[in-house]
Amino acid sequence: MLQKRDVQTERQVCVLVVGDIGRSPRMQYHALSLSRHGYRVTFVGGLGTKPHQDVLLDRRIRIVTIEVDGLRWGPRLLRYVTKVTVQSVQMLYVLMKMDLPSHVLMQNPPGLPGLAVVRLACFVRGSLFIVDWHNYGHSVLALSHGHRHPLVRLAKRYERLFGPLAARHLCVTNAMKEDLRRNWGIEAATLYDKPPAMFRETPIHLRHQLFMKLSKTYREFQPGGVEHVEEKVERTAFTCQDLADGTVTLSSDRPALLLSSTSWTADEDFSILLKALEEYDGFIRKGTSLPSLVCVITGKGPQKDYYRKQIRALDIEHVKICTPWLEAEDYPVLLGSADLGVCLHKSSSGLDLPMKVVDMFGCCLPVCAVHFGCLHELVEDERNGLVFRDFRELSEHLKSLLSDFPSTEGLLGRLRSNLRTSRGPCWDDNWDKIVLPLISTRQ
């Protein structure tokens, strides 16, 4: 049933996300890398969140949306089955109708129903199926249902049955590569997440522009104290611009800017950060010389309202917290403007790495990251960040890192200096070495 192939077909690739394209940065980077090498990309997925501007403006990338809300009433299992069924039909229709691709590159998870549907479409059309293993779908489901739930067991069997049927495989860590080989019979190539060029330290004038923009919505970015009308300056909580000559400087009494990003899901326990911030506030109240703190937690997801209620209930005086949703273009600018990052991602499988830390490292932003099995493949304790296991360890890390703020001579400055001098290959270099050979050959 193979369809006829030609030269044009070999330059056509489908990139598939069974979910929100805008919240799948790695797949967006795949699409941009393919386009950079002259491939035409059909990017299939949901558009709940705006993708990066580079994706939207790329003439070689065409986005085809699959949007399925499912039933809004009835038992939860019925709603789920209905959604998967409709999604399967819609996905198969799109894959069969699009221009014939040489390869279909799919993100997993979520793999249900994508693994089976894409395998069928690739068989019929003669395309090569590549799975990019970000994690295991069944381990993510187990966070909310438990490992013994029938749905979790079904998802695990499904992944084990259809996952190995793909022609080629990518994964995000060496630990996952070994697990796939040993337990799944899959030989995968490790493609570490690397930051694209947009993630870098932000020049001070761009910081000021972003802070001014955010200050219109979030008071945490507004200057403290009383402003004098006669001052010919433009201030934020962190920066000051002389309107006469346009010079921007960092305010000497500015708070430290702490940043964390999240999908507000069960694999990140943000109560750890909130308790640590309470402890940090307590250090200052007891007389420890530390800067005040603005903590920005970006992202959106199912548990956001739950944690916002906890934030409002905190008794803190020297720490301010805001939870904005940023445009894709603003997020790397904010990362490159921060003083310290915090990551609470705890892998459901213990085999994937937090991409948010990769982005932070691209901006030379030191990180405090919660410990789990393969974290050492990314975070080297006391070299590019600090690892913690509970909120008390995190609060002590915050105290030690910020004790000399805003001086660059202390531990925080040394970690940032290490990041500046130990930058490895970028995403493009890594992709060209590992993925391009898989795409450019069909043997």
Protein backbone atom coordinates (compact mmCIF):
# COMPACT_ATOMS: atom_id res chain seq x y z
CA MET A 1 0.00 0.00 0.00
CA LEU A 2 3.03 2.27 -0.23
CA GLN A 3 2.43 5.53 -2.06
CA LYS A 4 4.70 6.69 -4.88
CA ARG A 5 7.62 8.78 -3.66
CA ASP A 6 9.53 11.52 -5.47
CA VAL A 7 12.26 14.08 -4.81
CA GLN A 8 9.76 16.56 -3.40
CA THR A 9 8.48 13.97 -0.91
CA GLU A 10 11.97 13.51 0.51
CA ARG A 11 11.98 17.18 1.58
CA GLN A 12 8.66 16.94 3.42
CA VAL A 13 8.48 16.03 7.14
CA CYS A 14 5.53 15.91 9.53
CA VAL A 15 6.15 16.94 13.14
CA LEU A 16 3.32 15.75 15.40
CA VAL A 17 2.29 16.74 18.92
CA VAL A 18 -0.76 15.07 20.47
CA GLY A 19 -1.33 18.19 22.51
CA ASP A 20 -0.49 21.88 22.55
CA ILE A 21 2.20 22.95 20.07
CA GLY A 22 2.84 26.16 22.02
CA ARG A 23 3.73 24.18 25.13
CA SER A 24 6.03 21.79 23.26
CA PRO A 25 9.24 23.81 22.81
CA ARG A 26 11.42 20.83 21.86
CA MET A 27 9.11 19.97 18.95
CA GLN A 28 9.11 23.61 17.86
CA TYR A 29 12.91 23.48 17.79
CA HIS A 30 12.74 20.30 15.69
CA ALA A 31 10.49 22.10 13.20
CA LEU A 32 12.81 25.11 13.00
CA SER A 33 15.88 22.88 12.55
CA LEU A 34 14.18 20.98 9.72
CA SER A 35 13.27 24.25 8.05
CA ARG A 36 16.84 25.52 8.43
CA HIS A 37 17.96 22.54 6.33
CA GLY A 38 15.41 23.21 3.61
CA TYR A 39 12.70 20.75 4.64
CA ARG A 40 9.03 21.68 4.38
CA VAL A 41 7.35 20.94 7.70
CA THR A 42 3.73 20.13 8.41
CA PHE A 43 3.39 20.82 12.14
CA VAL A 44 0.34 18.97 13.49
CA GLY A 45 -1.09 19.60 16.96
CA GLY A 46 -3.25 21.85 19.12
CA LEU A 47 -3.04 25.64 19.25
CA GLY A 48 -4.15 26.32 22.80
CA THR A 49 -1.00 28.39 23.34
CA LYS A 50 0.70 30.64 20.81
CA PRO A 51 3.88 29.03 19.41
CA HIS A 52 7.10 30.99 19.17
CA GLN A 53 7.10 33.78 16.62
CA ASP A 54 9.93 32.12 14.67
CA VAL A 55 7.65 29.13 14.03
CA LEU A 56 4.68 31.27 13.03
CA LEU A 57 6.73 33.36 10.59
CA ASP A 58 8.66 30.51 8.98
CA ARG A 59 7.42 30.03 5.41
CA ARG A 60 8.50 26.38 5.34
CA ILE A 61 6.41 25.49 8.42
CA ARG A 62 2.66 24.96 7.98
CA ILE A 63 0.61 24.38 11.13
CA VAL A 64 -2.37 22.01 10.91
CA THR A 65 -4.49 22.01 14.04
CA ILE A 66 -6.12 19.09 15.79
CA GLU A 67 -8.47 20.36 18.48
CA VAL A 68 -10.60 17.89 20.44
CA ASP A 69 -12.40 18.91 23.63
CA GLY A 70 -14.42 15.71 24.01
CA LEU A 71 -17.66 15.37 25.94
CA ARG A 72 -18.21 17.87 28.75
CA TRP A 73 -20.60 15.60 30.64
CA GLY A 74 -20.88 11.97 31.69
CA PRO A 75 -18.50 9.62 33.51
CA ARG A 76 -14.81 10.52 33.31
CA LEU A 77 -13.88 7.26 31.56
CA LEU A 78 -16.56 7.78 28.90
CA ARG A 79 -15.32 11.33 28.25
CA TYR A 80 -11.75 10.07 27.92
CA VAL A 81 -12.65 7.21 25.57
CA THR A 82 -14.74 9.55 23.41
CA LYS A 83 -11.93 12.10 23.20
CA VAL A 84 -9.35 9.46 22.22
CA THR A 85 -11.68 7.97 19.59
CA VAL A 86 -12.47 11.31 17.94
CA GLN A 87 -8.81 12.34 18.18
CA SER A 88 -7.74 9.10 16.46
CA VAL A 89 -10.11 9.64 13.55
CA GLN A 90 -9.13 13.27 13.15
CA MET A 91 -5.41 12.51 13.36
CA LEU A 92 -5.61 9.68 10.83
CA TYR A 93 -7.55 11.91 8.44
CA VAL A 94 -4.91 14.67 8.66
CA LEU A 95 -2.01 12.24 8.22
CA MET A 96 -3.60 10.60 5.18
CA LYS A 97 -4.59 13.88 3.48
CA MET A 98 -1.39 15.91 3.95
CA ASP A 99 1.38 16.07 1.36
CA LEU A 100 3.22 12.76 1.49
CA PRO A 101 5.98 13.07 4.12
CA SER A 102 9.23 11.13 4.09
CA HIS A 103 9.22 11.03 7.91
CA VAL A 104 6.75 11.58 10.74
CA LEU A 105 8.41 12.76 13.95
CA MET A 106 6.14 12.37 16.97
CA GLN A 107 6.52 13.44 20.59
CA ASN A 108 5.81 10.88 23.32
CA PRO A 109 4.10 11.39 25.74
CA PRO A 110 1.28 11.69 25.10
CA GLY A 111 1.39 8.52 23.02
CA LEU A 112 -2.28 7.57 23.20
CA PRO A 113 -3.66 7.42 20.54
CA GLY A 114 -0.74 8.77 18.47
CA LEU A 115 1.60 5.76 18.49
CA ALA A 116 -0.90 3.41 16.87
CA VAL A 117 -2.44 5.96 14.51
CA VAL A 118 0.90 7.24 13.22
CA ARG A 119 2.22 3.69 12.80
CA LEU A 120 -0.81 2.83 10.66
CA ALA A 121 -0.53 5.99 8.55
CA CYS A 122 3.21 5.48 8.03
CA PHE A 123 2.63 1.87 6.95
CA VAL A 124 0.00 2.89 4.40
CA ARG A 125 1.93 5.86 3.03
CA GLY A 126 5.47 4.47 3.27
CA SER A 127 6.77 7.17 5.63
CA LEU A 128 9.38 6.49 8.29
CA PHE A 129 8.09 6.83 11.85
CA ILE A 130 10.38 8.47 14.44
CA VAL A 131 9.43 8.74 18.12
CA ASP A 132 11.04 11.37 20.35
CA TRP A 133 10.74 9.93 23.86
CA HIS A 134 10.44 12.81 26.34
CA ASN A 135 9.15 10.53 29.10
CA TYR A 136 6.72 7.61 29.47
CA GLY A 137 3.02 8.32 29.18
CA HIS A 138 2.04 5.66 31.70
CA SER A 139 4.36 7.13 34.37
CA VAL A 140 2.77 10.56 33.88
CA LEU A 141 -0.72 9.05 34.24
CA ALA A 142 0.40 7.26 37.40
CA LEU A 143 0.99 10.62 39.11
CA SER A 144 -2.76 11.19 39.32
CA HIS A 145 -4.12 7.62 39.21
CA GLY A 146 -1.47 5.44 40.85
CA HIS A 147 0.54 2.67 39.19
CA ARG A 148 -2.12 0.00 39.81
CA HIS A 149 -4.97 1.86 38.12
CA PRO A 150 -6.39 -0.07 35.09
CA LEU A 151 -5.92 2.95 32.82
CA VAL A 152 -2.24 3.21 33.79
CA ARG A 153 -1.70 -0.49 33.17
CA LEU A 154 -3.44 -0.21 29.80
CA ALA A 155 -1.32 2.81 28.85
CA LYS A 156 1.86 0.92 29.76
CA ARG A 157 0.90 -2.09 27.63
CA TYR A 158 -0.06 0.23 24.79
CA GLU A 159 3.33 2.03 24.87
CA ARG A 160 5.23 -1.27 25.10
CA LEU A 161 3.27 -2.69 22.14
CA PHE A 162 3.33 0.24 19.72
CA GLY A 163 6.45 2.13 20.83
CA PRO A 164 8.95 -0.42 19.44
CA LEU A 165 7.14 -0.42 16.06
CA ALA A 166 8.60 2.97 15.15
CA ALA A 167 11.53 2.86 12.73
CA ARG A 168 13.79 5.18 14.72
CA HIS A 169 13.93 6.65 18.19
CA LEU A 170 15.25 9.69 20.02
CA CYS A 171 15.30 10.23 23.77
CA VAL A 172 16.30 12.97 26.21
CA THR A 173 18.81 11.26 28.55
CA ASN A 174 21.31 8.43 28.58
CA ALA A 175 19.36 6.95 31.49
CA MET A 176 16.25 6.73 29.29
CA LYS A 177 18.33 5.36 26.41
CA GLU A 178 19.52 2.52 28.64
CA ASP A 179 16.02 1.85 30.00
CA LEU A 180 14.57 1.72 26.49
CA ARG A 181 17.29 -0.69 25.41
CA ARG A 182 17.11 -2.96 28.45
CA ASN A 183 13.36 -3.06 29.10
CA TRP A 184 11.76 -2.17 25.77
CA GLY A 185 14.17 -3.57 23.19
CA ILE A 186 14.49 -0.10 21.64
CA GLU A 187 17.76 1.41 20.41
CA ALA A 188 17.47 5.17 20.76
CA ALA A 189 19.82 8.09 20.15
CA THR A 190 20.17 10.57 23.00
CA LEU A 191 19.40 14.12 21.93
CA TYR A 192 19.96 16.31 24.97
CA ASP A 193 17.83 19.41 25.12
CA LYS A 194 20.01 22.41 24.34
CA PRO A 195 18.99 26.05 24.41
CA PRO A 196 18.44 27.75 21.05
CA ALA A 197 20.06 31.13 20.36
CA MET A 198 17.09 33.07 21.79
CA PHE A 199 18.11 32.00 25.32
CA ARG A 200 20.98 34.24 26.42
CA GLU A 201 21.78 36.86 29.04
CA THR A 202 19.55 39.88 28.42
CA PRO A 203 21.15 43.29 27.76
CA ILE A 204 20.17 45.81 30.40
CA HIS A 205 18.11 48.03 28.07
CA LEU A 206 15.95 45.03 27.05
CA ARG A 207 15.51 44.11 30.72
CA HIS A 208 14.19 47.59 31.41
CA GLN A 209 11.78 47.42 28.47
CA LEU A 210 10.37 44.10 29.68
CA PHE A 211 10.15 45.27 33.31
CA MET A 212 8.28 48.39 32.19
CA LYS A 213 5.88 46.23 30.20
CA LEU A 214 5.26 43.86 33.11
CA SER A 215 4.91 46.72 35.61
CA LYS A 216 1.71 47.79 33.85
CA THR A 217 0.07 44.55 34.99
CA TYR A 218 2.10 43.29 37.95
CA ARG A 219 2.87 45.59 40.87
CA GLU A 220 5.84 43.40 41.82
CA PHE A 221 7.73 45.10 38.96
CA GLN A 222 6.74 48.62 39.99
CA PRO A 223 9.26 50.78 41.89
CA GLY A 224 8.92 50.96 45.64
CA GLY A 225 8.83 54.15 47.68
CA VAL A 226 7.68 57.58 46.59
CA GLU A 227 8.62 58.81 43.12
CA HIS A 228 9.44 62.47 42.63
CA VAL A 229 7.59 64.02 39.71
CA GLU A 230 10.52 66.25 38.85
CA GLU A 231 12.82 63.28 38.37
CA LYS A 232 13.61 62.79 34.70
CA VAL A 233 13.93 59.05 35.13
CA GLU A 234 11.85 55.97 34.38
CA ARG A 235 11.95 53.38 37.12
CA THR A 236 11.01 49.78 37.72
CA ALA A 237 11.65 47.71 40.82
CA PHE A 238 14.97 46.64 39.29
CA THR A 239 16.10 49.26 36.79
CA CYS A 240 16.31 52.99 36.20
CA GLN A 241 16.51 54.81 32.85
CA ASP A 242 17.75 58.37 32.51
CA LEU A 243 15.30 59.89 30.05
CA ALA A 244 17.78 62.58 29.08
CA ASP A 245 20.37 60.26 27.53
CA GLY A 246 18.61 56.88 27.59
CA THR A 247 21.14 55.27 29.94
CA VAL A 248 19.78 52.28 31.89
CA THR A 249 21.29 51.10 35.16
CA LEU A 250 20.41 48.44 37.73
CA SER A 251 19.10 49.93 40.95
CA SER A 252 21.53 49.42 43.82
CA ASP A 253 18.69 48.63 46.26
CA ARG A 254 16.83 46.32 43.89
CA PRO A 255 15.34 43.04 45.12
CA ALA A 256 16.76 39.75 43.87
CA LEU A 257 14.74 38.29 40.99
CA LEU A 258 13.98 34.59 41.42
CA LEU A 259 12.32 32.75 38.54
CA SER A 260 10.63 29.39 38.19
CA SER A 261 8.48 28.04 35.38
CA THR A 262 5.94 25.26 35.52
CA SER A 263 3.03 23.53 33.86
CA TRP A 264 1.34 23.41 37.28
CA THR A 265 1.02 19.62 37.22
CA ALA A 266 1.44 16.85 39.79
CA ASP A 267 5.12 16.22 38.94
CA GLU A 268 6.06 19.56 40.55
CA ASP A 269 5.36 20.17 44.24
CA PHE A 270 5.37 23.96 44.56
CA SER A 271 4.63 23.80 48.27
CA ILE A 272 8.38 23.16 48.61
CA LEU A 273 9.18 26.55 47.10
CA LEU A 274 6.45 28.37 49.05
CA LYS A 275 7.68 26.95 52.36
CA ALA A 276 11.27 27.84 51.46
CA LEU A 277 10.22 31.42 50.70
CA GLU A 278 8.50 31.62 54.09
CA GLU A 279 11.74 30.44 55.71
CA TYR A 280 13.73 33.00 53.69
CA ASP A 281 11.36 35.75 54.82
CA GLY A 282 11.87 34.53 58.39
CA PHE A 283 15.66 34.85 58.03
CA ILE A 284 15.27 38.55 57.19
CA ARG A 285 12.79 39.15 60.01
CA LYS A 286 15.31 37.68 62.44
CA GLY A 287 17.96 40.14 61.28
CA THR A 288 19.93 38.21 58.64
CA SER A 289 21.31 40.59 56.02
CA LEU A 290 19.58 39.42 52.84
CA PRO A 291 17.90 41.22 49.95
CA SER A 292 14.16 41.30 49.54
CA LEU A 293 12.96 38.91 46.87
CA VAL A 294 10.60 38.96 43.90
CA CYS A 295 9.65 35.44 42.87
CA VAL A 296 8.11 35.05 39.41
CA ILE A 297 6.47 31.71 38.63
CA THR A 298 5.51 31.50 34.96
CA GLY A 299 3.24 29.05 33.18
CA LYS A 300 -0.31 27.77 33.29
CA GLY A 301 -1.87 24.45 34.12
CA PRO A 302 -4.46 22.55 36.17
CA GLN A 303 -3.04 23.26 39.65
CA LYS A 304 -2.37 26.98 39.19
CA ASP A 305 -5.49 28.18 41.05
CA TYR A 306 -4.77 25.74 43.89
CA TYR A 307 -1.29 27.18 44.45
CA ARG A 308 -2.39 30.78 43.97
CA LYS A 309 -4.70 30.31 46.95
CA GLN A 310 -1.73 29.05 48.96
CA ILE A 311 0.33 32.06 47.86
CA ARG A 312 -2.37 34.50 49.00
CA ALA A 313 -2.44 32.79 52.41
CA LEU A 314 1.32 33.22 53.03
CA ASP A 315 2.42 35.51 55.87
CA ILE A 316 5.47 37.09 54.21
CA GLU A 317 6.81 40.63 54.28
CA HIS A 318 10.07 40.67 52.32
CA VAL A 319 9.10 38.30 49.50
CA LYS A 320 6.70 39.12 46.67
CA ILE A 321 5.29 36.43 44.37
CA CYS A 322 3.56 36.77 41.01
CA THR A 323 2.37 34.12 38.56
CA PRO A 324 2.19 35.64 35.07
CA TRP A 325 1.68 33.92 31.73
CA LEU A 326 4.30 35.27 29.34
CA GLU A 327 4.33 35.55 25.59
CA ALA A 328 6.81 33.12 24.02
CA GLU A 329 9.07 36.03 23.02
CA ASP A 330 9.12 37.50 26.55
CA TYR A 331 10.02 34.30 28.40
CA PRO A 332 13.70 34.07 27.32
CA VAL A 333 14.12 37.81 27.97
CA LEU A 334 12.86 37.37 31.54
CA LEU A 335 15.07 34.30 32.08
CA GLY A 336 18.07 36.29 30.90
CA SER A 337 17.17 39.06 33.35
CA ALA A 338 16.80 36.91 36.49
CA ASP A 339 19.33 36.39 39.28
CA LEU A 340 18.47 32.80 40.18
CA GLY A 341 16.28 29.99 38.87
CA VAL A 342 14.41 27.29 40.80
CA CYS A 343 13.27 23.98 39.31
CA LEU A 344 10.79 21.68 41.08
CA HIS A 345 10.39 19.19 38.23
CA LYS A 346 10.63 15.67 39.60
CA SER A 347 10.51 13.20 36.74
CA SER A 348 7.60 10.75 36.86
CA SER A 349 9.85 8.08 35.36
CA GLY A 350 13.12 9.34 36.83
CA LEU A 351 14.50 9.30 33.27
CA ASP A 352 13.81 12.72 31.75
CA LEU A 353 15.35 16.13 32.42
CA PRO A 354 13.64 19.49 32.93
CA MET A 355 13.87 21.59 29.79
CA LYS A 356 13.34 24.73 31.86
CA VAL A 357 16.79 24.20 33.40
CA VAL A 358 18.29 23.87 29.92
CA ASP A 359 16.77 27.24 29.03
CA MET A 360 18.06 28.76 32.26
CA PHE A 361 21.56 27.51 31.57
CA GLY A 362 21.35 29.03 28.09
CA CYS A 363 20.81 32.36 29.86
CA CYS A 364 23.75 31.62 32.22
CA LEU A 365 21.24 31.55 35.08
CA PRO A 366 22.30 29.42 38.09
CA VAL A 367 19.66 26.98 39.29
CA CYS A 368 18.47 25.34 42.48
CA ALA A 369 16.93 22.03 41.37
CA VAL A 370 15.10 19.31 43.31
CA HIS A 371 16.96 16.00 43.31
CA PHE A 372 15.94 12.93 41.31
CA GLY A 373 17.67 9.98 39.65
CA CYS A 374 19.31 11.27 36.47
CA LEU A 375 19.47 14.99 37.33
CA HIS A 376 23.28 14.76 37.38
CA GLU A 377 23.23 14.50 33.57
CA LEU A 378 22.29 18.19 33.59
CA VAL A 379 22.87 19.84 36.97
CA GLU A 380 26.34 19.52 38.49
CA ASP A 381 25.97 20.33 42.18
CA GLU A 382 28.04 23.39 43.21
CA ARG A 383 29.28 23.90 39.63
CA ASN A 384 26.29 25.20 37.66
CA GLY A 385 23.67 25.01 40.41
CA LEU A 386 22.70 23.55 43.76
CA VAL A 387 20.58 20.44 44.38
CA PHE A 388 18.04 20.21 47.22
CA ARG A 389 15.73 17.53 48.61
CA ASP A 390 13.29 19.52 50.76
CA PHE A 391 12.20 23.07 51.51
CA ARG A 392 14.72 23.54 54.33
CA GLU A 393 17.62 22.71 52.03
CA LEU A 394 16.21 25.08 49.43
CA SER A 395 15.83 27.94 51.92
CA GLU A 396 19.43 27.45 53.08
CA HIS A 397 20.57 27.51 49.46
CA LEU A 398 18.70 30.76 48.87
CA LYS A 399 20.34 32.27 51.93
CA SER A 400 23.86 31.24 50.92
CA LEU A 401 23.44 32.28 47.28
CA LEU A 402 21.95 35.69 48.02
CA SER A 403 23.98 36.63 51.10
CA ASP A 404 26.33 38.81 49.00
CA PHE A 405 23.69 40.16 46.59
CA PRO A 406 24.03 42.26 44.45
CA SER A 407 27.79 41.61 44.50
CA THR A 408 29.04 39.14 41.89
CA GLU A 409 31.87 37.91 44.10
CA GLY A 410 29.96 35.28 46.10
CA LEU A 411 28.72 31.75 45.36
CA LEU A 412 25.99 32.97 43.00
CA GLY A 413 28.55 34.88 40.94
CA ARG A 414 30.87 31.87 40.77
CA LEU A 415 28.07 29.60 39.51
CA ARG A 416 27.15 32.14 36.82
CA SER A 417 30.80 32.47 35.83
CA ASN A 418 31.05 28.67 35.47
CA LEU A 419 28.02 28.69 33.19
CA ARG A 420 29.56 31.39 31.00
CA THR A 421 32.81 29.47 30.56
CA SER A 422 31.41 25.96 30.13
CA ARG A 423 28.78 26.43 27.44
CA GLY A 424 28.53 23.22 25.42
CA PRO A 425 27.19 22.77 21.90
CA CYS A 426 24.00 24.64 21.07
CA TRP A 427 20.75 23.03 19.91
CA ASP A 428 21.60 23.50 16.22
CA ASP A 429 24.99 21.79 16.53
CA ASN A 430 23.53 18.93 18.55
CA TRP A 431 20.59 18.47 16.17
CA ASP A 432 22.80 18.50 13.07
CA LYS A 433 24.99 15.79 14.55
CA ILE A 434 22.29 13.43 15.87
CA VAL A 435 18.97 14.03 14.10
CA LEU A 436 19.92 15.21 10.61
CA PRO A 437 21.49 11.83 9.67
CA LEU A 438 18.25 10.08 10.73
CA ILE A 439 16.18 12.37 8.52
CA SER A 440 18.45 12.55 5.49
CA THR A 441 18.71 8.77 5.06
CA ARG A 442 15.95 6.16 4.74
CA GLN A 443 18.03 3.01 5.10
